[in-house]
């Protein structure tokens, strides 16, 4: 089964993960990942190094066609990686003897076309994302909350960009501030609680966890706009205040229900764990 990752940074060809990034108005794919997907060698990096020399002899200049772009490595860090657009990946595949070359070409053409369609009609990307969550077993109610949460998050990060917050590091700090004020822990601590490693934290939140995440980020956006927050320091203050609003609401709910909102369970695991509890009781 060939699927696309929800954030579009990863696609899968016959169980082989292909990293990609949107650059200069088109997809650029990790060449090493493509070589690995074609199963041309047990050591894809070495194979690609040798192939570059061969391509140069054939008149294909790798240093003109290949771009180094930051992609997420296995250790979770962004690293410079040799990437090529769809056209040049096709050329590289021609020099790789593999029975998977032709089906890979067809798959690659479809993957590139999907992105063009989604730019023209963003609803297609949202529908495809929903299909992926359904395939993983998420309920329709959960999916709607998750999609809404993504929209709220995007609105917040767009607001931060407009207000002079630097991406990546400062975004991570502000996100941690909202999380600490909302749930009493940073995203990293939250992942540890749920036993997650590289998985997306919000994909493993239950309904209430998602709702309070949305409230904290939406409140932060409104405060930043109302106060006309500028730069990192002022937006940090807005993040803390926005998180506290959500945190206060969470605490009130916990008092009324006598149950904690924060859970150490992964969303998809929860129903199965409940079944095991019922069996044990019997």
C-alpha atoms as a PDB file:
ATOM      1  CA  UNK A   1       0.000   0.000   0.000  1.00  0.00           C
ATOM      2  CA  UNK A   2       1.389   3.382  -0.990  1.00  0.00           C
ATOM      3  CA  UNK A   3       0.380   6.274   1.254  1.00  0.00           C
ATOM      4  CA  UNK A   4       1.361   9.829   1.959  1.00  0.00           C
ATOM      5  CA  UNK A   5       2.300  11.132   5.406  1.00  0.00           C
ATOM      6  CA  UNK A   6      -0.158  13.633   6.879  1.00  0.00           C
ATOM      7  CA  UNK A   7       2.345  16.477   6.770  1.00  0.00           C
ATOM      8  CA  UNK A   8       3.397  15.545   3.215  1.00  0.00           C
ATOM      9  CA  UNK A   9       7.075  15.221   4.250  1.00  0.00           C
ATOM     10  CA  UNK A  10       7.120  11.463   3.791  1.00  0.00           C
ATOM     11  CA  UNK A  11       5.731   9.073   1.186  1.00  0.00           C
ATOM     12  CA  UNK A  12       5.900   5.303   1.054  1.00  0.00           C
ATOM     13  CA  UNK A  13       6.615   3.083  -1.940  1.00  0.00           C
ATOM     14  CA  UNK A  14       6.148  -0.642  -1.262  1.00  0.00           C
ATOM     15  CA  UNK A  15       6.981  -0.234   2.445  1.00  0.00           C
ATOM     16  CA  UNK A  16      10.052   1.913   1.690  1.00  0.00           C
ATOM     17  CA  UNK A  17       9.973   5.426   3.135  1.00  0.00           C
ATOM     18  CA  UNK A  18      10.901   8.267   0.797  1.00  0.00           C
ATOM     19  CA  UNK A  19      11.627  11.638   2.378  1.00  0.00           C
ATOM     20  CA  UNK A  20      10.742  14.728   0.385  1.00  0.00           C
ATOM     21  CA  UNK A  21      10.380  18.489   0.739  1.00  0.00           C
ATOM     22  CA  UNK A  22       8.607  21.236  -1.210  1.00  0.00           C
ATOM     23  CA  UNK A  23      11.288  23.453  -2.766  1.00  0.00           C
ATOM     24  CA  UNK A  24      11.141  25.976  -5.615  1.00  0.00           C
ATOM     25  CA  UNK A  25       7.474  25.138  -6.287  1.00  0.00           C
ATOM     26  CA  UNK A  26       8.009  21.389  -6.732  1.00  0.00           C
ATOM     27  CA  UNK A  27       8.796  18.216  -4.803  1.00  0.00           C
ATOM     28  CA  UNK A  28      12.421  17.281  -4.164  1.00  0.00           C
ATOM     29  CA  UNK A  29      13.058  13.682  -3.070  1.00  0.00           C
ATOM     30  CA  UNK A  30      15.940  12.143  -1.111  1.00  0.00           C
ATOM     31  CA  UNK A  31      18.090  10.366  -3.695  1.00  0.00           C
ATOM     32  CA  UNK A  32      19.455   7.870  -1.162  1.00  0.00           C
ATOM     33  CA  UNK A  33      15.894   6.958  -0.151  1.00  0.00           C
ATOM     34  CA  UNK A  34      15.002   6.402  -3.811  1.00  0.00           C
ATOM     35  CA  UNK A  35      18.025   4.129  -4.280  1.00  0.00           C
ATOM     36  CA  UNK A  36      17.004   2.233  -1.160  1.00  0.00           C
ATOM     37  CA  UNK A  37      13.432   1.864  -2.432  1.00  0.00           C
ATOM     38  CA  UNK A  38      14.727   0.403  -5.694  1.00  0.00           C
ATOM     39  CA  UNK A  39      16.766  -2.098  -3.658  1.00  0.00           C
ATOM     40  CA  UNK A  40      19.720  -1.579  -5.959  1.00  0.00           C
ATOM     41  CA  UNK A  41      22.205  -2.011  -3.124  1.00  0.00           C
ATOM     42  CA  UNK A  42      22.429  -3.033   0.513  1.00  0.00           C
ATOM     43  CA  UNK A  43      24.411   0.159   1.111  1.00  0.00           C
ATOM     44  CA  UNK A  44      22.388   2.943  -0.605  1.00  0.00           C
ATOM     45  CA  UNK A  45      24.741   5.778   0.395  1.00  0.00           C
ATOM     46  CA  UNK A  46      27.791   4.078  -1.115  1.00  0.00           C
ATOM     47  CA  UNK A  47      25.821   3.108  -4.225  1.00  0.00           C
ATOM     48  CA  UNK A  48      24.691   6.712  -4.727  1.00  0.00           C
ATOM     49  CA  UNK A  49      28.259   7.962  -4.294  1.00  0.00           C
ATOM     50  CA  UNK A  50      29.465   5.611  -7.053  1.00  0.00           C
ATOM     51  CA  UNK A  51      26.447   6.383  -9.237  1.00  0.00           C
ATOM     52  CA  UNK A  52      27.181  10.127  -9.151  1.00  0.00           C
ATOM     53  CA  UNK A  53      30.554   9.483 -10.787  1.00  0.00           C
ATOM     54  CA  UNK A  54      28.910   7.265 -13.420  1.00  0.00           C
ATOM     55  CA  UNK A  55      26.246   9.883 -14.175  1.00  0.00           C
ATOM     56  CA  UNK A  56      28.901  12.566 -14.654  1.00  0.00           C
ATOM     57  CA  UNK A  57      30.592  10.401 -17.288  1.00  0.00           C
ATOM     58  CA  UNK A  58      27.212   9.959 -19.027  1.00  0.00           C
ATOM     59  CA  UNK A  59      26.798  13.757 -19.212  1.00  0.00           C
ATOM     60  CA  UNK A  60      24.417  14.170 -16.297  1.00  0.00           C
ATOM     61  CA  UNK A  61      26.108  16.648 -13.964  1.00  0.00           C
ATOM     62  CA  UNK A  62      25.003  15.774 -10.404  1.00  0.00           C
ATOM     63  CA  UNK A  63      26.378  18.982  -8.979  1.00  0.00           C
ATOM     64  CA  UNK A  64      24.081  20.974 -11.257  1.00  0.00           C
ATOM     65  CA  UNK A  65      21.027  18.747 -10.854  1.00  0.00           C
ATOM     66  CA  UNK A  66      21.266  17.716  -7.197  1.00  0.00           C
ATOM     67  CA  UNK A  67      20.329  20.116  -4.401  1.00  0.00           C
ATOM     68  CA  UNK A  68      21.233  19.661  -0.748  1.00  0.00           C
ATOM     69  CA  UNK A  69      18.142  20.290   1.352  1.00  0.00           C
ATOM     70  CA  UNK A  70      17.408  19.722   5.025  1.00  0.00           C
ATOM     71  CA  UNK A  71      15.423  16.539   5.689  1.00  0.00           C
ATOM     72  CA  UNK A  72      14.621  14.765   8.933  1.00  0.00           C
ATOM     73  CA  UNK A  73      17.220  12.073   9.682  1.00  0.00           C
ATOM     74  CA  UNK A  74      16.683   8.899  11.717  1.00  0.00           C
ATOM     75  CA  UNK A  75      17.982  10.642  14.845  1.00  0.00           C
ATOM     76  CA  UNK A  76      15.208  13.236  14.573  1.00  0.00           C
ATOM     77  CA  UNK A  77      17.521  16.050  13.433  1.00  0.00           C
ATOM     78  CA  UNK A  78      17.357  17.982  10.157  1.00  0.00           C
ATOM     79  CA  UNK A  79      20.395  17.261   7.993  1.00  0.00           C
ATOM     80  CA  UNK A  80      21.569  18.352   4.547  1.00  0.00           C
ATOM     81  CA  UNK A  81      20.585  15.607   2.113  1.00  0.00           C
ATOM     82  CA  UNK A  82      21.104  15.113  -1.625  1.00  0.00           C
ATOM     83  CA  UNK A  83      17.716  15.752  -3.250  1.00  0.00           C
ATOM     84  CA  UNK A  84      16.404  15.878  -6.807  1.00  0.00           C
ATOM     85  CA  UNK A  85      13.152  16.963  -8.392  1.00  0.00           C
ATOM     86  CA  UNK A  86      10.858  14.538 -10.204  1.00  0.00           C
ATOM     87  CA  UNK A  87      12.470  15.100 -13.611  1.00  0.00           C
ATOM     88  CA  UNK A  88      15.982  14.400 -12.372  1.00  0.00           C
ATOM     89  CA  UNK A  89      14.894  11.455 -10.230  1.00  0.00           C
ATOM     90  CA  UNK A  90      13.537   9.896 -13.435  1.00  0.00           C
ATOM     91  CA  UNK A  91      16.960  10.380 -15.036  1.00  0.00           C
ATOM     92  CA  UNK A  92      18.731   8.804 -12.068  1.00  0.00           C
ATOM     93  CA  UNK A  93      16.374   5.806 -12.115  1.00  0.00           C
ATOM     94  CA  UNK A  94      17.338   5.129 -15.739  1.00  0.00           C
ATOM     95  CA  UNK A  95      20.866   4.356 -14.546  1.00  0.00           C
ATOM     96  CA  UNK A  96      19.756   2.030 -11.763  1.00  0.00           C
ATOM     97  CA  UNK A  97      19.199  -1.596 -12.860  1.00  0.00           C
ATOM     98  CA  UNK A  98      16.204  -2.655 -10.792  1.00  0.00           C
ATOM     99  CA  UNK A  99      12.990  -4.600 -11.468  1.00  0.00           C
ATOM    100  CA  UNK A 100      11.222  -1.939  -9.399  1.00  0.00           C
ATOM    101  CA  UNK A 101      12.252   0.918 -11.699  1.00  0.00           C
ATOM    102  CA  UNK A 102       9.107   0.993 -13.856  1.00  0.00           C
ATOM    103  CA  UNK A 103       6.530   0.718 -11.030  1.00  0.00           C
ATOM    104  CA  UNK A 104       8.533   3.338  -9.139  1.00  0.00           C
ATOM    105  CA  UNK A 105       8.331   5.719 -12.099  1.00  0.00           C
ATOM    106  CA  UNK A 106       4.551   5.325 -12.231  1.00  0.00           C
ATOM    107  CA  UNK A 107       4.285   5.865  -8.496  1.00  0.00           C
ATOM    108  CA  UNK A 108       6.534   8.934  -8.629  1.00  0.00           C
ATOM    109  CA  UNK A 109       4.477  10.513 -11.401  1.00  0.00           C
ATOM    110  CA  UNK A 110       1.295  10.030  -9.363  1.00  0.00           C
ATOM    111  CA  UNK A 111       2.871  11.447  -6.196  1.00  0.00           C
ATOM    112  CA  UNK A 112       3.980  14.587  -8.036  1.00  0.00           C
ATOM    113  CA  UNK A 113       0.578  15.038  -9.661  1.00  0.00           C
ATOM    114  CA  UNK A 114      -1.230  14.780  -6.330  1.00  0.00           C
ATOM    115  CA  UNK A 115       0.660  17.812  -5.026  1.00  0.00           C
ATOM    116  CA  UNK A 116      -0.305  19.902  -8.059  1.00  0.00           C
ATOM    117  CA  UNK A 117      -3.950  18.963  -7.526  1.00  0.00           C
ATOM    118  CA  UNK A 118      -3.762  19.858  -3.835  1.00  0.00           C
ATOM    119  CA  UNK A 119      -2.293  23.303  -4.536  1.00  0.00           C
ATOM    120  CA  UNK A 120      -5.251  24.009  -6.833  1.00  0.00           C
ATOM    121  CA  UNK A 121      -7.750  22.487  -4.389  1.00  0.00           C
ATOM    122  CA  UNK A 122      -6.514  22.278  -0.735  1.00  0.00           C
ATOM    123  CA  UNK A 123      -9.627  20.297   0.209  1.00  0.00           C
ATOM    124  CA  UNK A 124      -8.118  17.298  -1.599  1.00  0.00           C
ATOM    125  CA  UNK A 125      -5.133  17.292   0.764  1.00  0.00           C
ATOM    126  CA  UNK A 126      -7.440  17.470   3.770  1.00  0.00           C
ATOM    127  CA  UNK A 127      -9.584  14.613   2.472  1.00  0.00           C
ATOM    128  CA  UNK A 128      -6.524  12.465   1.844  1.00  0.00           C
ATOM    129  CA  UNK A 129      -5.262  13.172   5.344  1.00  0.00           C
ATOM    130  CA  UNK A 130      -8.630  12.074   6.753  1.00  0.00           C
ATOM    131  CA  UNK A 131      -8.441   8.858   4.750  1.00  0.00           C
ATOM    132  CA  UNK A 132      -5.045   8.098   6.281  1.00  0.00           C
ATOM    133  CA  UNK A 133      -6.379   8.588   9.807  1.00  0.00           C
ATOM    134  CA  UNK A 134      -9.411   6.395   9.037  1.00  0.00           C
ATOM    135  CA  UNK A 135      -7.112   3.660   7.757  1.00  0.00           C
ATOM    136  CA  UNK A 136      -5.261   3.798  11.075  1.00  0.00           C
ATOM    137  CA  UNK A 137      -8.492   3.259  13.002  1.00  0.00           C
ATOM    138  CA  UNK A 138      -9.338   6.736  14.288  1.00  0.00           C
ATOM    139  CA  UNK A 139     -13.001   7.663  14.802  1.00  0.00           C
ATOM    140  CA  UNK A 140     -14.714  10.325  12.692  1.00  0.00           C
ATOM    141  CA  UNK A 141     -15.189  12.588  15.739  1.00  0.00           C
ATOM    142  CA  UNK A 142     -11.497  12.368  16.602  1.00  0.00           C
ATOM    143  CA  UNK A 143     -10.470  13.049  13.003  1.00  0.00           C
ATOM    144  CA  UNK A 144     -12.593  16.206  12.851  1.00  0.00           C
ATOM    145  CA  UNK A 145     -10.988  17.508  16.043  1.00  0.00           C
ATOM    146  CA  UNK A 146      -7.510  16.665  14.764  1.00  0.00           C
ATOM    147  CA  UNK A 147      -8.103  18.453  11.469  1.00  0.00           C
ATOM    148  CA  UNK A 148      -9.496  21.495  13.275  1.00  0.00           C
ATOM    149  CA  UNK A 149      -6.505  21.459  15.597  1.00  0.00           C
ATOM    150  CA  UNK A 150      -4.122  21.512  12.638  1.00  0.00           C
ATOM    151  CA  UNK A 151      -5.934  24.551  11.220  1.00  0.00           C
ATOM    152  CA  UNK A 152      -5.688  26.360  14.577  1.00  0.00           C
ATOM    153  CA  UNK A 153      -2.007  25.489  14.856  1.00  0.00           C
ATOM    154  CA  UNK A 154      -1.309  26.761  11.320  1.00  0.00           C
ATOM    155  CA  UNK A 155      -3.103  30.029  12.111  1.00  0.00           C
ATOM    156  CA  UNK A 156      -0.957  30.472  15.221  1.00  0.00           C
ATOM    157  CA  UNK A 157       2.348  29.814  13.449  1.00  0.00           C
ATOM    158  CA  UNK A 158       1.349  32.183  10.632  1.00  0.00           C
ATOM    159  CA  UNK A 159       0.671  34.822  13.286  1.00  0.00           C
ATOM    160  CA  UNK A 160       4.080  34.212  14.880  1.00  0.00           C
ATOM    161  CA  UNK A 161       5.793  34.647  11.503  1.00  0.00           C
ATOM    162  CA  UNK A 162       4.016  37.979  10.976  1.00  0.00           C
ATOM    163  CA  UNK A 163       5.100  39.140  14.438  1.00  0.00           C
ATOM    164  CA  UNK A 164       8.807  38.509  13.985  1.00  0.00           C
ATOM    165  CA  UNK A 165       9.172  35.156  15.704  1.00  0.00           C
ATOM    166  CA  UNK A 166      11.966  33.103  14.197  1.00  0.00           C
ATOM    167  CA  UNK A 167      10.956  29.667  12.967  1.00  0.00           C
ATOM    168  CA  UNK A 168      12.056  26.288  14.353  1.00  0.00           C
ATOM    169  CA  UNK A 169      13.828  27.003  17.655  1.00  0.00           C
ATOM    170  CA  UNK A 170      11.631  29.894  18.833  1.00  0.00           C
ATOM    171  CA  UNK A 171       8.477  28.143  17.598  1.00  0.00           C
ATOM    172  CA  UNK A 172       9.469  25.127  19.709  1.00  0.00           C
ATOM    173  CA  UNK A 173      10.046  27.273  22.798  1.00  0.00           C
ATOM    174  CA  UNK A 174       6.689  29.047  22.472  1.00  0.00           C
ATOM    175  CA  UNK A 175       4.908  25.744  21.872  1.00  0.00           C
ATOM    176  CA  UNK A 176       6.524  24.364  25.029  1.00  0.00           C
ATOM    177  CA  UNK A 177       5.317  27.408  27.000  1.00  0.00           C
ATOM    178  CA  UNK A 178       1.718  26.848  25.883  1.00  0.00           C
ATOM    179  CA  UNK A 179       1.947  23.151  26.701  1.00  0.00           C
ATOM    180  CA  UNK A 180       3.450  23.730  30.160  1.00  0.00           C
ATOM    181  CA  UNK A 181       0.736  26.241  31.048  1.00  0.00           C
ATOM    182  CA  UNK A 182      -2.023  24.030  29.613  1.00  0.00           C
ATOM    183  CA  UNK A 183      -0.996  20.571  30.799  1.00  0.00           C
ATOM    184  CA  UNK A 184       1.817  21.158  33.289  1.00  0.00           C
ATOM    185  CA  UNK A 185       4.452  19.616  31.034  1.00  0.00           C
ATOM    186  CA  UNK A 186       6.362  20.307  27.837  1.00  0.00           C
ATOM    187  CA  UNK A 187       5.672  18.328  24.640  1.00  0.00           C
ATOM    188  CA  UNK A 188       8.860  16.317  25.246  1.00  0.00           C
ATOM    189  CA  UNK A 189       7.701  15.406  28.759  1.00  0.00           C
ATOM    190  CA  UNK A 190       4.249  14.605  27.383  1.00  0.00           C
ATOM    191  CA  UNK A 191       5.740  12.223  24.811  1.00  0.00           C
ATOM    192  CA  UNK A 192       7.744  10.517  27.542  1.00  0.00           C
ATOM    193  CA  UNK A 193       4.574  10.096  29.599  1.00  0.00           C
ATOM    194  CA  UNK A 194       2.856   8.378  26.681  1.00  0.00           C
ATOM    195  CA  UNK A 195       5.901   6.290  25.849  1.00  0.00           C
ATOM    196  CA  UNK A 196       6.353   7.899  22.439  1.00  0.00           C
ATOM    197  CA  UNK A 197       9.620   8.301  20.580  1.00  0.00           C
ATOM    198  CA  UNK A 198       9.393   9.907  17.150  1.00  0.00           C
ATOM    199  CA  UNK A 199       5.603   9.663  16.833  1.00  0.00           C
ATOM    200  CA  UNK A 200       3.484  12.797  16.606  1.00  0.00           C
ATOM    201  CA  UNK A 201       2.212  13.595  20.101  1.00  0.00           C
ATOM    202  CA  UNK A 202      -1.172  14.913  18.994  1.00  0.00           C
ATOM    203  CA  UNK A 203      -1.882  11.783  16.997  1.00  0.00           C
ATOM    204  CA  UNK A 204      -1.917   9.985  20.348  1.00  0.00           C
ATOM    205  CA  UNK A 205      -4.048  12.450  22.303  1.00  0.00           C
ATOM    206  CA  UNK A 206      -7.630  11.686  23.280  1.00  0.00           C
ATOM    207  CA  UNK A 207     -10.535  14.051  22.544  1.00  0.00           C
ATOM    208  CA  UNK A 208     -10.110  16.209  25.651  1.00  0.00           C
ATOM    209  CA  UNK A 209      -6.354  16.505  25.233  1.00  0.00           C
ATOM    210  CA  UNK A 210      -6.892  17.726  21.681  1.00  0.00           C
ATOM    211  CA  UNK A 211      -9.588  20.181  22.770  1.00  0.00           C
ATOM    212  CA  UNK A 212      -7.418  21.799  25.424  1.00  0.00           C
ATOM    213  CA  UNK A 213      -4.458  21.919  23.023  1.00  0.00           C
ATOM    214  CA  UNK A 214      -6.678  23.822  20.595  1.00  0.00           C
ATOM    215  CA  UNK A 215      -7.917  26.160  23.323  1.00  0.00           C
ATOM    216  CA  UNK A 216      -4.379  27.039  24.443  1.00  0.00           C
ATOM    217  CA  UNK A 217      -3.204  27.793  20.918  1.00  0.00           C
ATOM    218  CA  UNK A 218      -6.341  29.651  19.869  1.00  0.00           C
ATOM    219  CA  UNK A 219      -6.219  31.783  23.038  1.00  0.00           C
ATOM    220  CA  UNK A 220      -2.560  32.553  22.340  1.00  0.00           C
ATOM    221  CA  UNK A 221      -3.396  33.720  18.818  1.00  0.00           C
ATOM    222  CA  UNK A 222      -6.150  36.026  20.075  1.00  0.00           C
ATOM    223  CA  UNK A 223      -3.955  37.515  22.823  1.00  0.00           C
ATOM    224  CA  UNK A 224      -1.079  38.123  20.400  1.00  0.00           C
ATOM    225  CA  UNK A 225      -3.428  39.947  18.029  1.00  0.00           C
ATOM    226  CA  UNK A 226      -5.190  41.957  20.727  1.00  0.00           C
ATOM    227  CA  UNK A 227      -1.926  42.997  22.387  1.00  0.00           C
ATOM    228  CA  UNK A 228      -0.192  43.398  19.014  1.00  0.00           C
ATOM    229  CA  UNK A 229       2.716  41.334  20.353  1.00  0.00           C
ATOM    230  CA  UNK A 230       6.024  41.910  18.583  1.00  0.00           C
ATOM    231  CA  UNK A 231       9.092  39.673  18.634  1.00  0.00           C
ATOM    232  CA  UNK A 232       9.878  36.632  20.721  1.00  0.00           C
ATOM    233  CA  UNK A 233       9.591  38.076  24.248  1.00  0.00           C
ATOM    234  CA  UNK A 234       6.129  39.606  23.816  1.00  0.00           C
ATOM    235  CA  UNK A 235       4.843  36.494  22.051  1.00  0.00           C
ATOM    236  CA  UNK A 236       6.270  34.335  24.816  1.00  0.00           C
ATOM    237  CA  UNK A 237       4.157  36.299  27.274  1.00  0.00           C
ATOM    238  CA  UNK A 238       1.098  35.753  25.054  1.00  0.00           C
ATOM    239  CA  UNK A 239       1.876  32.020  24.858  1.00  0.00           C
ATOM    240  CA  UNK A 240       2.054  31.687  28.630  1.00  0.00           C
ATOM    241  CA  UNK A 241      -1.205  33.598  29.072  1.00  0.00           C
ATOM    242  CA  UNK A 242      -2.961  31.604  26.366  1.00  0.00           C
ATOM    243  CA  UNK A 243      -1.779  28.358  27.908  1.00  0.00           C
ATOM    244  CA  UNK A 244      -2.933  29.442  31.364  1.00  0.00           C
ATOM    245  CA  UNK A 245      -6.448  30.058  30.058  1.00  0.00           C
ATOM    246  CA  UNK A 246      -6.573  26.486  28.751  1.00  0.00           C
ATOM    247  CA  UNK A 247      -4.861  25.176  31.884  1.00  0.00           C
ATOM    248  CA  UNK A 248      -7.413  26.878  34.121  1.00  0.00           C
ATOM    249  CA  UNK A 249     -10.284  25.382  32.146  1.00  0.00           C
ATOM    250  CA  UNK A 250      -8.665  21.948  32.332  1.00  0.00           C
ATOM    251  CA  UNK A 251      -8.259  22.169  36.103  1.00  0.00           C
ATOM    252  CA  UNK A 252     -11.911  23.187  36.571  1.00  0.00           C
ATOM    253  CA  UNK A 253     -13.065  20.227  34.503  1.00  0.00           C
ATOM    254  CA  UNK A 254     -10.863  17.871  36.503  1.00  0.00           C
ATOM    255  CA  UNK A 255     -12.347  19.176  39.762  1.00  0.00           C
ATOM    256  CA  UNK A 256     -15.903  18.682  38.488  1.00  0.00           C
ATOM    257  CA  UNK A 257     -15.324  15.196  37.072  1.00  0.00           C
ATOM    258  CA  UNK A 258     -12.697  13.938  39.493  1.00  0.00           C
ATOM    259  CA  UNK A 259     -10.708  12.625  36.531  1.00  0.00           C
ATOM    260  CA  UNK A 260      -7.442  13.797  34.990  1.00  0.00           C
ATOM    261  CA  UNK A 261      -7.454  15.093  31.425  1.00  0.00           C
ATOM    262  CA  UNK A 262      -3.800  14.222  30.799  1.00  0.00           C
ATOM    263  CA  UNK A 263      -3.460  10.535  30.011  1.00  0.00           C
ATOM    264  CA  UNK A 264      -0.471   8.246  29.613  1.00  0.00           C
ATOM    265  CA  UNK A 265      -2.403   6.217  27.052  1.00  0.00           C
ATOM    266  CA  UNK A 266      -1.987   6.448  23.297  1.00  0.00           C
ATOM    267  CA  UNK A 267      -5.334   7.184  21.654  1.00  0.00           C
ATOM    268  CA  UNK A 268      -5.444   4.065  19.486  1.00  0.00           C
ATOM    269  CA  UNK A 269      -4.297   1.836  22.355  1.00  0.00           C
ATOM    270  CA  UNK A 270      -6.962   3.038  24.802  1.00  0.00           C
ATOM    271  CA  UNK A 271      -9.925   0.946  23.512  1.00  0.00           C
ATOM    272  CA  UNK A 272      -7.816  -2.211  23.497  1.00  0.00           C
ATOM    273  CA  UNK A 273      -6.582  -1.545  27.045  1.00  0.00           C
ATOM    274  CA  UNK A 274     -10.165  -1.039  28.199  1.00  0.00           C
ATOM    275  CA  UNK A 275     -11.142  -4.393  26.716  1.00  0.00           C
ATOM    276  CA  UNK A 276      -8.300  -6.093  28.580  1.00  0.00           C
ATOM    277  CA  UNK A 277      -9.422  -4.443  31.832  1.00  0.00           C
ATOM    278  CA  UNK A 278     -12.964  -5.771  31.369  1.00  0.00           C
ATOM    279  CA  UNK A 279     -11.668  -9.276  30.676  1.00  0.00           C
ATOM    280  CA  UNK A 280      -9.482  -9.144  33.800  1.00  0.00           C
ATOM    281  CA  UNK A 281     -12.452  -8.085  35.942  1.00  0.00           C
ATOM    282  CA  UNK A 282     -14.457 -11.063  34.717  1.00  0.00           C
END
